[in-house]
Amino acid sequence: MDENKVVSEEEREDDGPQEPDVSASTDMKHLDFITSLVLIGVSIYTVVTSYGYYVRSRKAFYISPGFMPVIIAAALFLLAITLMRQSLNGSSIKECLIRLREAIPRGLKSLRFRNTVIGLAFFALYIYVLLQYLPFWLASVIILFACFVYLKAAKIVKSAIISILSVAGIVLLFQILFRVPMP
């Protein structure tokens, strides 16, 4: 085989197992570490908030509205600790934080981060603006259409049709058939 030959993706797949991309797994470990920290914070916040529900309800803890969130938050906390241990994989927390400090600037410039921030902005717009001033069905059609257009999921007309039919289906199923009040 000629050493200078360019190998296509199909040919490369036929060559057997490939070496794992070390940089991708290192980046994934950074993401796992960050995710575990966020999940630990969310679980602690949930326990504190749920305790407030229990106190305000003036009922026994096991029948208060704060009981199930505490159980779920405890499970989330344990899973987050497990994820953190896996992301460390033989290195210390200090070493991981140093690698994380180096990876953060690179991550902030990535397309994935930009798309995540824009997605969160869409949801904030939907919850704090559109749902406050428009009926549920109209706000939902607008935000779903905007997401389709931003993601270039389909042509404009097809995106509009899918948005309208999806929201109509949700309203028909939940609001009309199941009589669930929509926001």
C-alpha atoms as a PDB file:
ATOM      1  CA  MET A   1       0.000   0.000   0.000  1.00  0.00           C
ATOM      2  CA  ASP A   2       1.286   3.462  -0.899  1.00  0.00           C
ATOM      3  CA  GLU A   3       2.110   5.439   2.259  1.00  0.00           C
ATOM      4  CA  ASN A   4       1.129   8.771   0.657  1.00  0.00           C
ATOM      5  CA  LYS A   5      -2.337   7.569  -0.356  1.00  0.00           C
ATOM      6  CA  VAL A   6      -5.279   9.449   1.189  1.00  0.00           C
ATOM      7  CA  VAL A   7      -7.572   7.026   2.981  1.00  0.00           C
ATOM      8  CA  SER A   8     -11.342   7.642   2.909  1.00  0.00           C
ATOM      9  CA  GLU A   9     -13.598   7.184   5.948  1.00  0.00           C
ATOM     10  CA  GLU A  10     -15.052   3.959   4.475  1.00  0.00           C
ATOM     11  CA  GLU A  11     -11.596   2.437   3.954  1.00  0.00           C
ATOM     12  CA  ARG A  12     -10.495   3.496   7.427  1.00  0.00           C
ATOM     13  CA  GLU A  13     -13.469   1.687   8.986  1.00  0.00           C
ATOM     14  CA  ASP A  14     -12.438  -1.528   7.234  1.00  0.00           C
ATOM     15  CA  ASP A  15      -8.924  -1.471   8.710  1.00  0.00           C
ATOM     16  CA  GLY A  16     -10.095  -2.761  12.082  1.00  0.00           C
ATOM     17  CA  PRO A  17     -10.056  -1.014  15.431  1.00  0.00           C
ATOM     18  CA  GLN A  18      -8.660   2.506  15.497  1.00  0.00           C
ATOM     19  CA  GLU A  19      -6.705   4.224  18.231  1.00  0.00           C
ATOM     20  CA  PRO A  20      -9.058   6.207  20.486  1.00  0.00           C
ATOM     21  CA  ASP A  21      -8.874   9.965  20.179  1.00  0.00           C
ATOM     22  CA  VAL A  22      -7.161  10.892  23.443  1.00  0.00           C
ATOM     23  CA  SER A  23      -8.020  14.594  23.186  1.00  0.00           C
ATOM     24  CA  ALA A  24     -11.724  13.800  22.783  1.00  0.00           C
ATOM     25  CA  SER A  25     -11.759  11.550  25.855  1.00  0.00           C
ATOM     26  CA  THR A  26      -9.862  14.188  27.866  1.00  0.00           C
ATOM     27  CA  ASP A  27     -12.381  16.837  26.801  1.00  0.00           C
ATOM     28  CA  MET A  28     -15.188  14.472  27.750  1.00  0.00           C
ATOM     29  CA  LYS A  29     -13.647  13.971  31.192  1.00  0.00           C
ATOM     30  CA  HIS A  30     -13.620  17.763  31.649  1.00  0.00           C
ATOM     31  CA  LEU A  31     -17.275  17.881  30.682  1.00  0.00           C
ATOM     32  CA  ASP A  32     -18.052  14.987  33.031  1.00  0.00           C
ATOM     33  CA  PHE A  33     -16.252  16.766  35.875  1.00  0.00           C
ATOM     34  CA  ILE A  34     -18.116  20.032  35.233  1.00  0.00           C
ATOM     35  CA  THR A  35     -21.402  18.161  34.938  1.00  0.00           C
ATOM     36  CA  SER A  36     -20.797  16.374  38.226  1.00  0.00           C
ATOM     37  CA  LEU A  37     -20.132  19.698  39.979  1.00  0.00           C
ATOM     38  CA  VAL A  38     -23.306  21.222  38.538  1.00  0.00           C
ATOM     39  CA  LEU A  39     -25.380  18.167  39.493  1.00  0.00           C
ATOM     40  CA  ILE A  40     -24.000  18.221  43.035  1.00  0.00           C
ATOM     41  CA  GLY A  41     -25.000  21.888  43.292  1.00  0.00           C
ATOM     42  CA  VAL A  42     -28.470  21.199  41.868  1.00  0.00           C
ATOM     43  CA  SER A  43     -29.030  18.319  44.280  1.00  0.00           C
ATOM     44  CA  ILE A  44     -27.976  20.388  47.307  1.00  0.00           C
ATOM     45  CA  TYR A  45     -30.210  23.276  46.170  1.00  0.00           C
ATOM     46  CA  THR A  46     -33.110  20.837  45.721  1.00  0.00           C
ATOM     47  CA  VAL A  47     -32.688  19.396  49.223  1.00  0.00           C
ATOM     48  CA  VAL A  48     -32.594  22.885  50.782  1.00  0.00           C
ATOM     49  CA  THR A  49     -35.641  24.027  48.792  1.00  0.00           C
ATOM     50  CA  SER A  50     -37.538  20.821  49.571  1.00  0.00           C
ATOM     51  CA  TYR A  51     -36.844  21.227  53.262  1.00  0.00           C
ATOM     52  CA  GLY A  52     -38.564  24.603  52.998  1.00  0.00           C
ATOM     53  CA  TYR A  53     -41.603  22.876  51.458  1.00  0.00           C
ATOM     54  CA  TYR A  54     -41.656  20.451  54.370  1.00  0.00           C
ATOM     55  CA  VAL A  55     -41.465  23.241  56.968  1.00  0.00           C
ATOM     56  CA  ARG A  56     -44.209  25.293  55.301  1.00  0.00           C
ATOM     57  CA  SER A  57     -46.532  22.298  54.888  1.00  0.00           C
ATOM     58  CA  ARG A  58     -46.498  21.534  58.649  1.00  0.00           C
ATOM     59  CA  LYS A  59     -47.011  17.841  57.920  1.00  0.00           C
ATOM     60  CA  ALA A  60     -44.920  14.775  58.649  1.00  0.00           C
ATOM     61  CA  PHE A  61     -41.904  14.677  56.368  1.00  0.00           C
ATOM     62  CA  TYR A  62     -42.891  11.483  54.563  1.00  0.00           C
ATOM     63  CA  ILE A  63     -46.229  13.019  53.437  1.00  0.00           C
ATOM     64  CA  SER A  64     -44.980  16.551  52.797  1.00  0.00           C
ATOM     65  CA  PRO A  65     -44.443  17.937  49.284  1.00  0.00           C
ATOM     66  CA  GLY A  66     -40.712  18.029  50.005  1.00  0.00           C
ATOM     67  CA  PHE A  67     -40.276  14.273  50.474  1.00  0.00           C
ATOM     68  CA  MET A  68     -40.009  13.052  46.845  1.00  0.00           C
ATOM     69  CA  PRO A  69     -37.698  15.872  45.721  1.00  0.00           C
ATOM     70  CA  VAL A  70     -35.320  14.974  48.577  1.00  0.00           C
ATOM     71  CA  ILE A  71     -35.302  11.318  47.516  1.00  0.00           C
ATOM     72  CA  ILE A  72     -34.660  12.247  43.879  1.00  0.00           C
ATOM     73  CA  ALA A  73     -31.985  14.797  44.871  1.00  0.00           C
ATOM     74  CA  ALA A  74     -30.235  12.197  47.032  1.00  0.00           C
ATOM     75  CA  ALA A  75     -30.112   9.789  44.092  1.00  0.00           C
ATOM     76  CA  LEU A  76     -28.866  12.605  41.855  1.00  0.00           C
ATOM     77  CA  PHE A  77     -26.169  13.457  44.393  1.00  0.00           C
ATOM     78  CA  LEU A  78     -24.952   9.839  44.504  1.00  0.00           C
ATOM     79  CA  LEU A  79     -24.894   9.630  40.713  1.00  0.00           C
ATOM     80  CA  ALA A  80     -23.009  12.932  40.505  1.00  0.00           C
ATOM     81  CA  ILE A  81     -20.376  11.652  42.960  1.00  0.00           C
ATOM     82  CA  THR A  82     -20.033   8.496  40.850  1.00  0.00           C
ATOM     83  CA  LEU A  83     -19.599  10.602  37.708  1.00  0.00           C
ATOM     84  CA  MET A  84     -16.994  12.747  39.457  1.00  0.00           C
ATOM     85  CA  ARG A  85     -15.000   9.678  40.535  1.00  0.00           C
ATOM     86  CA  GLN A  86     -15.075   8.338  36.974  1.00  0.00           C
ATOM     87  CA  SER A  87     -13.983  11.679  35.518  1.00  0.00           C
ATOM     88  CA  LEU A  88     -11.027  11.887  37.902  1.00  0.00           C
ATOM     89  CA  ASN A  89      -9.870   8.356  36.976  1.00  0.00           C
ATOM     90  CA  GLY A  90      -6.591   8.263  38.869  1.00  0.00           C
ATOM     91  CA  SER A  91      -5.898  11.987  39.017  1.00  0.00           C
ATOM     92  CA  SER A  92      -6.511  14.329  41.914  1.00  0.00           C
ATOM     93  CA  ILE A  93      -9.142  17.023  42.066  1.00  0.00           C
ATOM     94  CA  LYS A  94      -6.360  19.630  41.962  1.00  0.00           C
ATOM     95  CA  GLU A  95      -4.958  18.180  38.719  1.00  0.00           C
ATOM     96  CA  CYS A  96      -8.428  18.048  37.223  1.00  0.00           C
ATOM     97  CA  LEU A  97      -9.071  21.683  38.167  1.00  0.00           C
ATOM     98  CA  ILE A  98      -5.781  22.713  36.514  1.00  0.00           C
ATOM     99  CA  ARG A  99      -6.736  20.861  33.305  1.00  0.00           C
ATOM    100  CA  LEU A 100     -10.187  22.361  33.541  1.00  0.00           C
ATOM    101  CA  ARG A 101      -8.756  25.885  33.814  1.00  0.00           C
ATOM    102  CA  GLU A 102      -6.858  25.250  30.586  1.00  0.00           C
ATOM    103  CA  ALA A 103      -9.913  23.791  28.825  1.00  0.00           C
ATOM    104  CA  ILE A 104     -12.432  26.496  29.750  1.00  0.00           C
ATOM    105  CA  PRO A 105     -11.187  29.196  27.333  1.00  0.00           C
ATOM    106  CA  ARG A 106     -11.191  26.646  24.506  1.00  0.00           C
ATOM    107  CA  GLY A 107     -14.698  25.533  25.432  1.00  0.00           C
ATOM    108  CA  LEU A 108     -16.075  29.071  25.572  1.00  0.00           C
ATOM    109  CA  LYS A 109     -15.030  29.592  21.958  1.00  0.00           C
ATOM    110  CA  SER A 110     -16.594  26.361  20.697  1.00  0.00           C
ATOM    111  CA  LEU A 111     -19.635  26.068  18.468  1.00  0.00           C
ATOM    112  CA  ARG A 112     -21.263  23.693  20.972  1.00  0.00           C
ATOM    113  CA  PHE A 113     -21.090  26.330  23.720  1.00  0.00           C
ATOM    114  CA  ARG A 114     -22.526  29.002  21.419  1.00  0.00           C
ATOM    115  CA  ASN A 115     -25.407  26.729  20.406  1.00  0.00           C
ATOM    116  CA  THR A 116     -26.087  25.884  24.060  1.00  0.00           C
ATOM    117  CA  VAL A 117     -26.241  29.554  25.045  1.00  0.00           C
ATOM    118  CA  ILE A 118     -28.543  30.348  22.127  1.00  0.00           C
ATOM    119  CA  GLY A 119     -30.781  27.394  23.055  1.00  0.00           C
ATOM    120  CA  LEU A 120     -30.997  28.626  26.639  1.00  0.00           C
ATOM    121  CA  ALA A 121     -31.821  32.107  25.335  1.00  0.00           C
ATOM    122  CA  PHE A 122     -34.678  30.596  23.266  1.00  0.00           C
ATOM    123  CA  PHE A 123     -36.083  28.889  26.362  1.00  0.00           C
ATOM    124  CA  ALA A 124     -35.743  32.042  28.476  1.00  0.00           C
ATOM    125  CA  LEU A 125     -37.519  34.020  25.757  1.00  0.00           C
ATOM    126  CA  TYR A 126     -40.274  31.403  25.680  1.00  0.00           C
ATOM    127  CA  ILE A 127     -40.788  31.214  29.447  1.00  0.00           C
ATOM    128  CA  TYR A 128     -40.239  34.810  30.537  1.00  0.00           C
ATOM    129  CA  VAL A 129     -41.529  36.748  27.537  1.00  0.00           C
ATOM    130  CA  LEU A 130     -43.695  34.809  25.101  1.00  0.00           C
ATOM    131  CA  LEU A 131     -45.747  32.841  27.653  1.00  0.00           C
ATOM    132  CA  GLN A 132     -46.327  36.027  29.666  1.00  0.00           C
ATOM    133  CA  TYR A 133     -47.935  37.940  26.786  1.00  0.00           C
ATOM    134  CA  LEU A 134     -49.210  35.348  24.308  1.00  0.00           C
ATOM    135  CA  PRO A 135     -51.475  32.320  24.519  1.00  0.00           C
ATOM    136  CA  PHE A 136     -49.681  28.990  25.032  1.00  0.00           C
ATOM    137  CA  TRP A 137     -50.331  27.720  21.517  1.00  0.00           C
ATOM    138  CA  LEU A 138     -49.035  30.866  19.794  1.00  0.00           C
ATOM    139  CA  ALA A 139     -45.937  31.168  21.990  1.00  0.00           C
ATOM    140  CA  SER A 140     -45.163  27.482  21.402  1.00  0.00           C
ATOM    141  CA  VAL A 141     -45.550  27.731  17.629  1.00  0.00           C
ATOM    142  CA  ILE A 142     -43.281  30.791  17.519  1.00  0.00           C
ATOM    143  CA  ILE A 143     -40.501  29.277  19.628  1.00  0.00           C
ATOM    144  CA  LEU A 144     -40.631  25.890  17.904  1.00  0.00           C
ATOM    145  CA  PHE A 145     -40.478  27.587  14.491  1.00  0.00           C
ATOM    146  CA  ALA A 146     -37.556  29.762  15.649  1.00  0.00           C
ATOM    147  CA  CYS A 147     -35.668  26.655  16.844  1.00  0.00           C
ATOM    148  CA  PHE A 148     -36.251  24.861  13.541  1.00  0.00           C
ATOM    149  CA  VAL A 149     -35.056  27.891  11.570  1.00  0.00           C
ATOM    150  CA  TYR A 150     -31.982  28.413  13.762  1.00  0.00           C
ATOM    151  CA  LEU A 151     -31.012  24.740  13.565  1.00  0.00           C
ATOM    152  CA  LYS A 152     -31.790  24.667   9.823  1.00  0.00           C
ATOM    153  CA  ALA A 153     -33.797  21.510  10.480  1.00  0.00           C
ATOM    154  CA  ALA A 154     -36.036  21.960   7.452  1.00  0.00           C
ATOM    155  CA  LYS A 155     -37.105  24.520   4.873  1.00  0.00           C
ATOM    156  CA  ILE A 156     -39.094  27.498   6.145  1.00  0.00           C
ATOM    157  CA  VAL A 157     -42.517  26.291   4.965  1.00  0.00           C
ATOM    158  CA  LYS A 158     -41.931  22.766   6.279  1.00  0.00           C
ATOM    159  CA  SER A 159     -40.722  24.183   9.623  1.00  0.00           C
ATOM    160  CA  ALA A 160     -43.889  26.288   9.905  1.00  0.00           C
ATOM    161  CA  ILE A 161     -46.136  23.317   9.100  1.00  0.00           C
ATOM    162  CA  ILE A 162     -44.354  21.023  11.579  1.00  0.00           C
ATOM    163  CA  SER A 163     -44.508  23.711  14.298  1.00  0.00           C
ATOM    164  CA  ILE A 164     -48.223  24.322  13.818  1.00  0.00           C
ATOM    165  CA  LEU A 165     -49.138  20.632  13.630  1.00  0.00           C
ATOM    166  CA  SER A 166     -46.985  19.716  16.635  1.00  0.00           C
ATOM    167  CA  VAL A 167     -48.516  22.350  18.879  1.00  0.00           C
ATOM    168  CA  ALA A 168     -52.009  21.562  17.580  1.00  0.00           C
ATOM    169  CA  GLY A 169     -51.427  17.910  18.451  1.00  0.00           C
ATOM    170  CA  ILE A 170     -50.232  18.793  21.955  1.00  0.00           C
ATOM    171  CA  VAL A 171     -53.199  21.097  22.575  1.00  0.00           C
ATOM    172  CA  LEU A 172     -55.639  18.518  21.195  1.00  0.00           C
ATOM    173  CA  LEU A 173     -54.196  15.669  23.224  1.00  0.00           C
ATOM    174  CA  PHE A 174     -53.603  17.375  26.551  1.00  0.00           C
ATOM    175  CA  GLN A 175     -55.971  20.340  26.720  1.00  0.00           C
ATOM    176  CA  ILE A 176     -58.983  18.894  24.914  1.00  0.00           C
ATOM    177  CA  LEU A 177     -58.786  15.111  25.390  1.00  0.00           C
ATOM    178  CA  PHE A 178     -57.131  14.877  28.817  1.00  0.00           C
ATOM    179  CA  ARG A 179     -58.431  18.278  30.039  1.00  0.00           C
ATOM    180  CA  VAL A 180     -55.021  19.330  31.357  1.00  0.00           C
ATOM    181  CA  PRO A 181     -54.902  23.116  31.801  1.00  0.00           C
ATOM    182  CA  MET A 182     -52.142  24.647  29.693  1.00  0.00           C
ATOM    183  CA  PRO A 183     -50.207  27.732  30.785  1.00  0.00           C
END
